[in-house]
Amino acid sequence: MALAAGRDETGEVSDPTPQDSPIWPAPQDRPVDPSAATPPQPPPSAPPEATRHTSPPPTRWGVLGDVKRGEGWVLAEREVVNLVLGNARLDLRAATLSGPETTIVIQGMMCDAKIIVPDTWRVDCDGTTIMGEFEVKSDDAAAPQPQSGPVVRIRGGVFMGSVKVFRTPAPVGEGGFSIDGMAGWKARRRRRSQG
């Protein structure tokens, strides 16, 4: 059946060629309707703060060994310590903070972690344990938790291990036995005998 060009009710000439015909104009050959053009897109803006590339947090491992950090340590805003049959001793009394808040993540299995914090800092300690503990202990002379100041958040999870945070006013090497070991015990004893 032959198709012929005709006029519709509005008087427009209609094209009798079916759209799937090989002679139907390709999309790039069709005339462009200026009113149907897409509006210009604004230039891409800077990515939101959350999607910007950030470097991964410093990660330390203690596998059948120890992780020790003390003097000269610049504490990142987020630190990660992974322990497997190991121990960690993180002394923040001589650390330099890189921000007002720091998060330390402790993850381990059959491990012990000791974190020593000045009593002028706020401590928020919470973690998941299986046959273990997350706890905050204060030295006898430690002041109550301050309402302002640097914040240290301790997070993580341990299996058959413990994470203990000690708050103390004592300088490095002069804390009680549970904090600085024999050296701290001897330093305190010397101080008592001198004055």
N, C-alpha and C. Protein backbone atom coordinates (compact mmCIF):
# COMPACT_ATOMS: atom_id res chain seq x y z
N MET A 1 0.85 -1.16 0.00
CA MET A 1 0.00 0.00 0.00
C MET A 1 0.89 1.23 0.00
N ALA A 2 0.63 2.14 -0.89
CA ALA A 2 1.43 3.35 -1.01
C ALA A 2 0.87 4.40 -0.08
N LEU A 3 1.78 5.15 0.56
CA LEU A 3 1.38 6.21 1.45
C LEU A 3 1.56 7.54 0.74
N ALA A 4 0.68 8.43 0.91
CA ALA A 4 0.77 9.73 0.27
C ALA A 4 0.78 10.81 1.32
N ALA A 5 1.48 11.91 1.00
CA ALA A 5 1.52 13.04 1.93
C ALA A 5 0.15 13.67 1.98
N GLY A 6 -0.29 14.08 3.14
CA GLY A 6 -1.61 14.69 3.26
C GLY A 6 -1.59 15.77 4.32
N ARG A 7 -2.73 16.40 4.50
CA ARG A 7 -2.84 17.43 5.52
C ARG A 7 -3.71 16.89 6.65
N ASP A 8 -3.30 17.24 7.89
CA ASP A 8 -4.13 16.83 9.02
C ASP A 8 -5.16 17.92 9.30
N GLU A 9 -5.89 17.80 10.44
CA GLU A 9 -6.97 18.74 10.71
C GLU A 9 -6.46 20.17 10.86
N THR A 10 -5.22 20.39 11.25
CA THR A 10 -4.70 21.74 11.45
C THR A 10 -4.17 22.35 10.16
N GLY A 11 -4.14 21.57 9.12
CA GLY A 11 -3.64 22.08 7.85
C GLY A 11 -2.16 21.84 7.65
N GLU A 12 -1.49 21.20 8.63
CA GLU A 12 -0.06 20.91 8.50
C GLU A 12 0.12 19.74 7.56
N VAL A 13 1.23 19.78 6.82
CA VAL A 13 1.55 18.66 5.92
C VAL A 13 2.20 17.58 6.76
N SER A 14 1.68 16.38 6.70
CA SER A 14 2.26 15.28 7.47
C SER A 14 3.17 14.47 6.57
N ASP A 15 4.23 13.93 7.19
CA ASP A 15 5.18 13.10 6.45
C ASP A 15 4.68 11.67 6.48
N PRO A 16 4.43 11.07 5.32
CA PRO A 16 3.87 9.71 5.30
C PRO A 16 4.94 8.63 5.55
N THR A 17 6.22 8.99 5.64
CA THR A 17 7.27 7.98 5.77
C THR A 17 7.28 7.43 7.20
N PRO A 18 7.19 6.11 7.37
CA PRO A 18 7.22 5.55 8.73
C PRO A 18 8.57 5.84 9.39
N GLN A 19 8.55 5.99 10.72
CA GLN A 19 9.77 6.36 11.43
C GLN A 19 10.82 5.27 11.41
N ASP A 20 10.43 4.02 11.22
CA ASP A 20 11.43 2.96 11.17
C ASP A 20 11.92 2.70 9.74
N SER A 21 11.53 3.58 8.83
CA SER A 21 11.95 3.44 7.44
C SER A 21 13.42 3.83 7.30
N PRO A 22 14.17 3.16 6.40
CA PRO A 22 15.57 3.50 6.21
C PRO A 22 15.77 4.91 5.66
N ILE A 23 14.71 5.55 5.15
CA ILE A 23 14.89 6.89 4.64
C ILE A 23 14.48 7.96 5.65
N TRP A 24 14.01 7.52 6.82
CA TRP A 24 13.66 8.49 7.87
C TRP A 24 14.94 9.17 8.33
N PRO A 25 14.97 10.48 8.53
CA PRO A 25 16.22 11.15 8.89
C PRO A 25 16.74 10.69 10.25
N ALA A 26 18.04 10.51 10.32
CA ALA A 26 18.69 10.12 11.59
C ALA A 26 18.56 11.26 12.58
N PRO A 27 18.67 10.99 13.88
CA PRO A 27 18.48 12.06 14.87
C PRO A 27 19.40 13.25 14.64
N GLN A 28 20.64 13.04 14.22
CA GLN A 28 21.54 14.16 14.02
C GLN A 28 21.17 14.98 12.78
N ASP A 29 20.36 14.39 11.86
CA ASP A 29 19.97 15.11 10.65
C ASP A 29 18.67 15.89 10.83
N ARG A 30 17.95 15.62 11.91
CA ARG A 30 16.68 16.30 12.13
C ARG A 30 16.93 17.74 12.56
N PRO A 31 16.05 18.62 12.22
CA PRO A 31 16.22 20.01 12.66
C PRO A 31 16.07 20.09 14.19
N VAL A 32 16.84 20.98 14.79
CA VAL A 32 16.82 21.14 16.24
C VAL A 32 15.84 22.24 16.60
N ASP A 33 14.96 21.91 17.52
CA ASP A 33 13.99 22.88 18.02
C ASP A 33 14.68 23.66 19.13
N PRO A 34 14.93 24.98 18.97
CA PRO A 34 15.65 25.75 19.98
C PRO A 34 14.95 25.75 21.34
N SER A 35 13.61 25.65 21.35
CA SER A 35 12.91 25.68 22.64
C SER A 35 13.10 24.37 23.40
N ALA A 36 13.46 23.29 22.70
CA ALA A 36 13.65 22.00 23.35
C ALA A 36 15.10 21.78 23.79
N ALA A 37 15.98 22.72 23.50
CA ALA A 37 17.39 22.55 23.88
C ALA A 37 17.51 22.57 25.39
N THR A 38 18.45 21.79 25.91
CA THR A 38 18.64 21.76 27.36
C THR A 38 19.34 23.03 27.80
N PRO A 39 18.97 23.54 28.96
CA PRO A 39 19.61 24.77 29.43
C PRO A 39 21.07 24.50 29.75
N PRO A 40 21.91 25.51 29.68
CA PRO A 40 23.33 25.30 29.97
C PRO A 40 23.51 24.87 31.42
N GLN A 41 24.41 23.93 31.63
CA GLN A 41 24.68 23.41 32.97
C GLN A 41 25.72 24.30 33.66
N PRO A 42 25.55 24.54 34.97
CA PRO A 42 26.56 25.32 35.67
C PRO A 42 27.85 24.51 35.79
N PRO A 43 28.99 25.19 35.91
CA PRO A 43 30.25 24.45 36.04
C PRO A 43 30.24 23.64 37.32
N PRO A 44 30.91 22.49 37.32
CA PRO A 44 30.91 21.66 38.53
C PRO A 44 31.56 22.41 39.68
N SER A 45 30.93 22.32 40.83
CA SER A 45 31.47 23.00 42.01
C SER A 45 32.42 22.06 42.73
N ALA A 46 33.08 22.58 43.74
CA ALA A 46 34.00 21.77 44.53
C ALA A 46 33.21 20.67 45.23
N PRO A 47 33.79 19.48 45.37
CA PRO A 47 33.05 18.40 46.02
C PRO A 47 32.76 18.74 47.47
N PRO A 48 31.66 18.22 48.02
CA PRO A 48 31.36 18.50 49.42
C PRO A 48 32.48 18.00 50.32
N GLU A 49 32.53 18.55 51.51
CA GLU A 49 33.61 18.23 52.45
C GLU A 49 33.71 16.73 52.70
N ALA A 50 32.56 16.04 52.78
CA ALA A 50 32.57 14.62 53.13
C ALA A 50 33.16 13.76 52.02
N THR A 51 33.07 14.22 50.75
CA THR A 51 33.55 13.38 49.66
C THR A 51 34.96 13.73 49.22
N ARG A 52 35.55 14.75 49.83
CA ARG A 52 36.92 15.08 49.47
C ARG A 52 37.86 13.97 49.89
N HIS A 53 38.91 13.78 49.12
CA HIS A 53 39.88 12.73 49.42
C HIS A 53 40.68 13.11 50.66
N THR A 54 40.68 12.22 51.62
CA THR A 54 41.49 12.42 52.81
C THR A 54 42.43 11.24 52.95
N SER A 55 43.56 11.49 53.55
CA SER A 55 44.51 10.40 53.72
C SER A 55 44.01 9.45 54.80
N PRO A 56 44.34 8.17 54.69
CA PRO A 56 43.89 7.22 55.71
C PRO A 56 44.57 7.52 57.04
N PRO A 57 43.92 7.14 58.15
CA PRO A 57 44.51 7.42 59.45
C PRO A 57 45.76 6.59 59.67
N PRO A 58 46.69 7.08 60.50
CA PRO A 58 47.87 6.27 60.81
C PRO A 58 47.43 4.97 61.47
N THR A 59 47.98 3.87 61.00
CA THR A 59 47.63 2.55 61.53
C THR A 59 48.90 1.87 62.02
N ARG A 60 48.83 1.37 63.25
CA ARG A 60 49.97 0.67 63.84
C ARG A 60 49.55 -0.75 64.14
N TRP A 61 50.47 -1.68 63.95
CA TRP A 61 50.20 -3.10 64.17
C TRP A 61 51.11 -3.64 65.26
N GLY A 62 50.55 -4.50 66.10
CA GLY A 62 51.32 -5.23 67.09
C GLY A 62 50.92 -6.69 67.01
N VAL A 63 51.66 -7.46 66.25
CA VAL A 63 51.39 -8.89 66.10
C VAL A 63 52.52 -9.62 66.82
N LEU A 64 52.17 -10.29 67.92
CA LEU A 64 53.17 -10.94 68.78
C LEU A 64 54.23 -9.93 69.21
N GLY A 65 53.81 -8.71 69.44
CA GLY A 65 54.75 -7.66 69.81
C GLY A 65 54.02 -6.49 70.44
N ASP A 66 54.76 -5.39 70.61
CA ASP A 66 54.23 -4.22 71.31
C ASP A 66 54.20 -3.00 70.41
N VAL A 67 53.24 -2.14 70.66
CA VAL A 67 53.17 -0.82 70.04
C VAL A 67 53.34 0.18 71.17
N LYS A 68 54.38 1.01 71.09
CA LYS A 68 54.63 2.01 72.13
C LYS A 68 54.78 3.38 71.49
N ARG A 69 54.05 4.33 72.04
CA ARG A 69 54.15 5.72 71.59
C ARG A 69 54.26 6.60 72.82
N GLY A 70 55.20 7.55 72.77
CA GLY A 70 55.41 8.42 73.93
C GLY A 70 55.81 9.81 73.50
N GLU A 71 56.96 10.26 73.97
CA GLU A 71 57.40 11.62 73.70
C GLU A 71 57.66 11.84 72.21
N GLY A 72 57.36 13.06 71.76
CA GLY A 72 57.60 13.42 70.37
C GLY A 72 56.53 12.91 69.41
N TRP A 73 55.45 12.44 69.93
CA TRP A 73 54.39 11.87 69.11
C TRP A 73 53.39 12.95 68.74
N VAL A 74 53.14 13.13 67.45
CA VAL A 74 52.09 14.05 66.99
C VAL A 74 50.84 13.21 66.78
N LEU A 75 49.86 13.45 67.60
CA LEU A 75 48.64 12.65 67.61
C LEU A 75 47.70 13.12 66.52
N ALA A 76 47.40 12.25 65.56
CA ALA A 76 46.49 12.59 64.47
C ALA A 76 45.06 12.66 65.00
N GLU A 77 44.16 13.19 64.19
CA GLU A 77 42.76 13.28 64.61
C GLU A 77 42.12 11.91 64.72
N ARG A 78 42.69 10.92 64.05
CA ARG A 78 42.22 9.54 64.15
C ARG A 78 43.44 8.62 64.07
N GLU A 79 43.57 7.75 65.05
CA GLU A 79 44.67 6.78 65.10
C GLU A 79 44.06 5.39 65.21
N VAL A 80 44.67 4.42 64.55
CA VAL A 80 44.18 3.04 64.61
C VAL A 80 45.32 2.15 65.07
N VAL A 81 45.03 1.30 66.06
CA VAL A 81 46.01 0.34 66.57
C VAL A 81 45.38 -1.05 66.48
N ASN A 82 46.03 -1.95 65.76
CA ASN A 82 45.57 -3.32 65.61
C ASN A 82 46.53 -4.24 66.35
N LEU A 83 46.00 -5.09 67.21
CA LEU A 83 46.83 -5.97 68.03
C LEU A 83 46.37 -7.42 67.90
N VAL A 84 47.33 -8.30 67.70
CA VAL A 84 47.07 -9.73 67.73
C VAL A 84 48.13 -10.34 68.62
N LEU A 85 47.72 -10.85 69.78
CA LEU A 85 48.66 -11.39 70.76
C LEU A 85 49.74 -10.36 71.07
N GLY A 86 49.33 -9.11 71.19
CA GLY A 86 50.29 -8.02 71.44
C GLY A 86 49.76 -7.03 72.45
N ASN A 87 50.59 -6.04 72.75
CA ASN A 87 50.26 -5.01 73.73
C ASN A 87 50.51 -3.64 73.12
N ALA A 88 49.79 -2.66 73.65
CA ALA A 88 50.00 -1.27 73.22
C ALA A 88 50.10 -0.41 74.46
N ARG A 89 51.03 0.55 74.41
CA ARG A 89 51.16 1.55 75.47
C ARG A 89 51.26 2.90 74.78
N LEU A 90 50.18 3.69 74.89
CA LEU A 90 50.10 4.98 74.24
C LEU A 90 50.08 6.05 75.32
N ASP A 91 51.15 6.80 75.44
CA ASP A 91 51.27 7.83 76.47
C ASP A 91 51.00 9.19 75.83
N LEU A 92 49.85 9.76 76.13
CA LEU A 92 49.46 11.03 75.52
C LEU A 92 49.93 12.24 76.31
N ARG A 93 50.58 12.03 77.45
CA ARG A 93 51.03 13.16 78.26
C ARG A 93 52.07 14.00 77.55
N ALA A 94 52.87 13.39 76.70
CA ALA A 94 53.91 14.14 75.98
C ALA A 94 53.59 14.27 74.49
N ALA A 95 52.36 13.91 74.10
CA ALA A 95 51.98 13.98 72.68
C ALA A 95 51.56 15.39 72.31
N THR A 96 51.70 15.72 71.04
CA THR A 96 51.24 16.99 70.50
C THR A 96 49.96 16.72 69.73
N LEU A 97 48.91 17.45 70.05
CA LEU A 97 47.63 17.26 69.38
C LEU A 97 47.60 17.98 68.04
N SER A 98 46.94 17.35 67.06
CA SER A 98 46.78 18.01 65.76
C SER A 98 45.40 18.64 65.63
N GLY A 99 44.53 18.45 66.62
CA GLY A 99 43.20 19.04 66.61
C GLY A 99 42.59 18.97 68.00
N PRO A 100 41.44 19.60 68.20
CA PRO A 100 40.83 19.60 69.54
C PRO A 100 40.21 18.25 69.92
N GLU A 101 39.94 17.41 68.93
CA GLU A 101 39.37 16.09 69.20
C GLU A 101 40.20 15.02 68.52
N THR A 102 40.38 13.91 69.22
CA THR A 102 41.14 12.78 68.69
C THR A 102 40.36 11.51 68.96
N THR A 103 40.34 10.62 67.98
CA THR A 103 39.73 9.31 68.15
C THR A 103 40.81 8.25 68.00
N ILE A 104 40.93 7.39 68.99
CA ILE A 104 41.88 6.28 68.93
C ILE A 104 41.06 5.00 68.86
N VAL A 105 41.28 4.22 67.81
CA VAL A 105 40.55 2.97 67.61
C VAL A 105 41.49 1.82 67.95
N ILE A 106 41.08 0.99 68.91
CA ILE A 106 41.86 -0.18 69.31
C ILE A 106 41.09 -1.41 68.87
N GLN A 107 41.72 -2.25 68.06
CA GLN A 107 41.10 -3.49 67.62
C GLN A 107 42.08 -4.61 67.89
N GLY A 108 41.62 -5.71 68.47
CA GLY A 108 42.59 -6.75 68.75
C GLY A 108 41.99 -8.04 69.24
N MET A 109 42.89 -9.00 69.34
CA MET A 109 42.55 -10.32 69.81
C MET A 109 43.64 -10.77 70.76
N MET A 110 43.25 -11.18 71.96
CA MET A 110 44.19 -11.58 72.99
C MET A 110 45.27 -10.51 73.18
N CYS A 111 44.82 -9.34 73.60
CA CYS A 111 45.71 -8.17 73.67
C CYS A 111 45.40 -7.32 74.89
N ASP A 112 46.33 -6.44 75.20
CA ASP A 112 46.13 -5.45 76.26
C ASP A 112 46.59 -4.10 75.72
N ALA A 113 45.79 -3.08 75.98
CA ALA A 113 46.16 -1.72 75.57
C ALA A 113 46.03 -0.80 76.76
N LYS A 114 47.06 0.00 76.97
CA LYS A 114 47.07 0.99 78.05
C LYS A 114 47.24 2.36 77.40
N ILE A 115 46.30 3.26 77.70
CA ILE A 115 46.35 4.61 77.16
C ILE A 115 46.40 5.57 78.35
N ILE A 116 47.43 6.40 78.40
CA ILE A 116 47.63 7.32 79.52
C ILE A 116 47.30 8.73 79.03
N VAL A 117 46.37 9.37 79.73
CA VAL A 117 45.84 10.67 79.30
C VAL A 117 46.01 11.67 80.44
N PRO A 118 46.44 12.91 80.14
CA PRO A 118 46.49 13.93 81.19
C PRO A 118 45.09 14.18 81.75
N ASP A 119 45.00 14.48 83.03
CA ASP A 119 43.68 14.67 83.63
C ASP A 119 43.02 15.99 83.24
N THR A 120 43.70 16.80 82.44
CA THR A 120 43.10 18.04 81.94
C THR A 120 42.34 17.81 80.64
N TRP A 121 42.37 16.58 80.12
CA TRP A 121 41.66 16.24 78.88
C TRP A 121 40.38 15.49 79.23
N ARG A 122 39.39 15.63 78.36
CA ARG A 122 38.16 14.84 78.52
C ARG A 122 38.35 13.50 77.83
N VAL A 123 37.80 12.45 78.43
CA VAL A 123 37.94 11.09 77.89
C VAL A 123 36.55 10.51 77.67
N ASP A 124 36.35 9.94 76.48
CA ASP A 124 35.10 9.24 76.16
C ASP A 124 35.51 7.85 75.68
N CYS A 125 35.25 6.84 76.48
CA CYS A 125 35.72 5.49 76.18
C CYS A 125 34.54 4.55 76.00
N ASP A 126 34.48 3.88 74.84
CA ASP A 126 33.39 2.96 74.57
C ASP A 126 33.86 1.96 73.52
N GLY A 127 33.60 0.71 73.75
CA GLY A 127 34.01 -0.31 72.79
C GLY A 127 33.24 -1.60 73.01
N THR A 128 33.48 -2.53 72.12
CA THR A 128 32.84 -3.84 72.17
C THR A 128 33.87 -4.87 72.59
N THR A 129 33.51 -5.71 73.54
CA THR A 129 34.45 -6.74 73.99
C THR A 129 33.75 -8.09 74.05
N ILE A 130 34.54 -9.12 73.82
CA ILE A 130 34.13 -10.49 74.08
C ILE A 130 35.18 -11.04 75.02
N MET A 131 34.78 -11.31 76.25
CA MET A 131 35.71 -11.76 77.28
C MET A 131 36.83 -10.74 77.47
N GLY A 132 36.45 -9.48 77.67
CA GLY A 132 37.43 -8.42 77.87
C GLY A 132 36.79 -7.21 78.50
N GLU A 133 37.47 -6.06 78.44
CA GLU A 133 36.94 -4.85 79.05
C GLU A 133 37.50 -3.59 78.40
N PHE A 134 36.69 -2.54 78.42
CA PHE A 134 37.06 -1.17 78.10
C PHE A 134 36.77 -0.38 79.37
N GLU A 135 37.76 0.27 79.98
CA GLU A 135 37.49 1.03 81.19
C GLU A 135 38.40 2.23 81.33
N VAL A 136 37.91 3.21 82.08
CA VAL A 136 38.67 4.41 82.39
C VAL A 136 38.97 4.39 83.89
N LYS A 137 40.24 4.59 84.23
CA LYS A 137 40.66 4.65 85.63
C LYS A 137 41.32 5.99 85.86
N SER A 138 41.05 6.56 87.02
CA SER A 138 41.67 7.84 87.36
C SER A 138 42.63 7.65 88.51
N ASP A 139 43.79 8.31 88.40
CA ASP A 139 44.76 8.32 89.48
C ASP A 139 44.12 8.97 90.71
N ASP A 140 44.61 8.63 91.90
CA ASP A 140 44.03 9.20 93.12
C ASP A 140 44.04 10.72 93.09
N ALA A 141 45.10 11.30 92.54
CA ALA A 141 45.24 12.76 92.54
C ALA A 141 44.60 13.42 91.31
N ALA A 142 43.98 12.63 90.43
CA ALA A 142 43.42 13.18 89.20
C ALA A 142 42.20 14.05 89.49
N ALA A 143 42.10 15.16 88.77
CA ALA A 143 40.95 16.05 88.89
C ALA A 143 39.75 15.42 88.20
N PRO A 144 38.53 15.85 88.55
CA PRO A 144 37.35 15.36 87.83
C PRO A 144 37.44 15.72 86.34
N GLN A 145 36.66 15.02 85.54
CA GLN A 145 36.68 15.30 84.09
C GLN A 145 36.34 16.76 83.85
N PRO A 146 37.16 17.48 83.06
CA PRO A 146 36.87 18.89 82.78
C PRO A 146 35.68 19.03 81.83
N GLN A 147 35.07 20.20 81.84
CA GLN A 147 33.94 20.47 80.96
C GLN A 147 34.39 20.95 79.58
N SER A 148 35.63 21.42 79.49
CA SER A 148 36.16 21.88 78.20
C SER A 148 37.59 21.39 78.07
N GLY A 149 38.15 21.61 76.90
CA GLY A 149 39.51 21.17 76.65
C GLY A 149 39.54 20.08 75.60
N PRO A 150 40.74 19.54 75.32
CA PRO A 150 40.86 18.50 74.31
C PRO A 150 40.03 17.26 74.67
N VAL A 151 39.53 16.58 73.65
CA VAL A 151 38.71 15.38 73.83
C VAL A 151 39.41 14.20 73.18
N VAL A 152 39.51 13.10 73.93
CA VAL A 152 40.06 11.85 73.39
C VAL A 152 38.95 10.82 73.43
N ARG A 153 38.60 10.30 72.26
CA ARG A 153 37.59 9.24 72.18
C ARG A 153 38.29 7.92 71.92
N ILE A 154 38.02 6.94 72.76
CA ILE A 154 38.60 5.61 72.60
C ILE A 154 37.47 4.71 72.11
N ARG A 155 37.69 4.08 70.97
CA ARG A 155 36.68 3.21 70.35
C ARG A 155 37.36 1.91 69.93
N GLY A 156 36.56 0.93 69.56
CA GLY A 156 37.12 -0.30 69.02
C GLY A 156 36.42 -1.54 69.52
N GLY A 157 37.13 -2.65 69.37
CA GLY A 157 36.60 -3.93 69.79
C GLY A 157 37.74 -4.89 70.04
N VAL A 158 37.63 -5.67 71.12
CA VAL A 158 38.67 -6.65 71.44
C VAL A 158 38.02 -7.97 71.82
N PHE A 159 38.74 -9.02 71.50
CA PHE A 159 38.35 -10.39 71.86
C PHE A 159 39.41 -10.92 72.82
N MET A 160 38.99 -11.27 74.03
CA MET A 160 39.92 -11.75 75.05
C MET A 160 41.04 -10.74 75.29
N GLY A 161 40.64 -9.49 75.53
CA GLY A 161 41.64 -8.45 75.77
C GLY A 161 41.06 -7.33 76.60
N SER A 162 41.90 -6.36 76.89
CA SER A 162 41.44 -5.22 77.68
C SER A 162 42.02 -3.93 77.13
N VAL A 163 41.24 -2.87 77.27
CA VAL A 163 41.67 -1.53 76.92
C VAL A 163 41.43 -0.69 78.17
N LYS A 164 42.51 -0.18 78.76
CA LYS A 164 42.41 0.62 79.98
C LYS A 164 42.96 2.01 79.72
N VAL A 165 42.17 3.00 80.08
CA VAL A 165 42.57 4.39 79.94
C VAL A 165 42.83 4.93 81.34
N PHE A 166 44.03 5.45 81.55
CA PHE A 166 44.42 6.00 82.85
C PHE A 166 44.49 7.52 82.76
N ARG A 167 43.74 8.22 83.61
CA ARG A 167 43.81 9.67 83.71
C ARG A 167 44.72 10.01 84.89
N THR A 168 45.71 10.86 84.65
CA THR A 168 46.65 11.19 85.72
C THR A 168 47.19 12.61 85.57
N PRO A 169 47.50 13.28 86.69
CA PRO A 169 48.16 14.58 86.61
C PRO A 169 49.68 14.44 86.60
N ALA A 170 50.17 13.23 86.84
CA ALA A 170 51.62 13.01 86.97
C ALA A 170 52.33 13.22 85.64
N PRO A 171 53.52 13.83 85.67
CA PRO A 171 54.30 13.95 84.43
C PRO A 171 54.79 12.58 83.96
N VAL A 172 55.33 12.55 82.76
CA VAL A 172 55.83 11.30 82.18
C VAL A 172 56.88 10.69 83.12
N GLY A 173 56.73 9.40 83.39
CA GLY A 173 57.69 8.67 84.21
C GLY A 173 57.49 8.81 85.70
N GLU A 174 56.46 9.55 86.13
CA GLU A 174 56.24 9.74 87.55
C GLU A 174 54.85 9.31 88.00
N GLY A 175 54.16 8.55 87.17
CA GLY A 175 52.85 8.05 87.55
C GLY A 175 52.96 6.86 88.48
N GLY A 176 51.83 6.39 88.95
CA GLY A 176 51.82 5.23 89.83
C GLY A 176 52.31 3.98 89.12
N PHE A 177 52.37 2.89 89.88
CA PHE A 177 52.89 1.63 89.34
C PHE A 177 52.08 1.15 88.13
N SER A 178 50.76 1.28 88.21
CA SER A 178 49.92 0.81 87.10
C SER A 178 50.09 1.66 85.85
N ILE A 179 50.63 2.89 86.01
CA ILE A 179 50.80 3.79 84.86
C ILE A 179 52.22 3.74 84.31
N ASP A 180 53.21 3.99 85.18
CA ASP A 180 54.60 4.05 84.72
C ASP A 180 55.47 2.91 85.25
N GLY A 181 54.86 1.90 85.83
CA GLY A 181 55.63 0.74 86.27
C GLY A 181 56.57 1.06 87.43
N MET A 182 57.66 0.30 87.52
CA MET A 182 58.62 0.47 88.61
C MET A 182 59.26 1.85 88.60
N ALA A 183 59.53 2.38 87.40
CA ALA A 183 60.16 3.71 87.32
C ALA A 183 59.25 4.76 87.95
N GLY A 184 57.97 4.70 87.68
CA GLY A 184 57.03 5.65 88.27
C GLY A 184 56.90 5.46 89.77
N TRP A 185 56.88 4.21 90.20
CA TRP A 185 56.78 3.92 91.63
C TRP A 185 58.00 4.47 92.37
N LYS A 186 59.20 4.26 91.81
CA LYS A 186 60.43 4.77 92.43
C LYS A 186 60.45 6.30 92.44
N ALA A 187 59.99 6.92 91.35
CA ALA A 187 59.96 8.38 91.27
C ALA A 187 59.02 8.95 92.35
N ARG A 188 57.89 8.33 92.54
CA ARG A 188 56.96 8.79 93.56
C ARG A 188 57.55 8.60 94.97
N ARG A 189 58.23 7.49 95.15
CA ARG A 189 58.84 7.22 96.46
C ARG A 189 59.93 8.25 96.76
N ARG A 190 60.74 8.59 95.74
CA ARG A 190 61.78 9.61 95.90
C ARG A 190 61.16 10.95 96.26
N ARG A 191 60.07 11.30 95.57
CA ARG A 191 59.41 12.57 95.83
C ARG A 191 58.89 12.64 97.25
N ARG A 192 58.32 11.54 97.73
CA ARG A 192 57.79 11.50 99.09
C ARG A 192 58.92 11.64 100.12
N SER A 193 60.05 10.98 99.85
CA SER A 193 61.16 11.04 100.81
C SER A 193 61.83 12.41 100.83
N GLN A 194 61.75 13.15 99.71
CA GLN A 194 62.37 14.48 99.65
C GLN A 194 61.48 15.57 100.22
N GLY A 195 60.27 15.33 100.35
CA GLY A 195 59.51 16.46 100.79
C GLY A 195 58.22 16.20 101.35
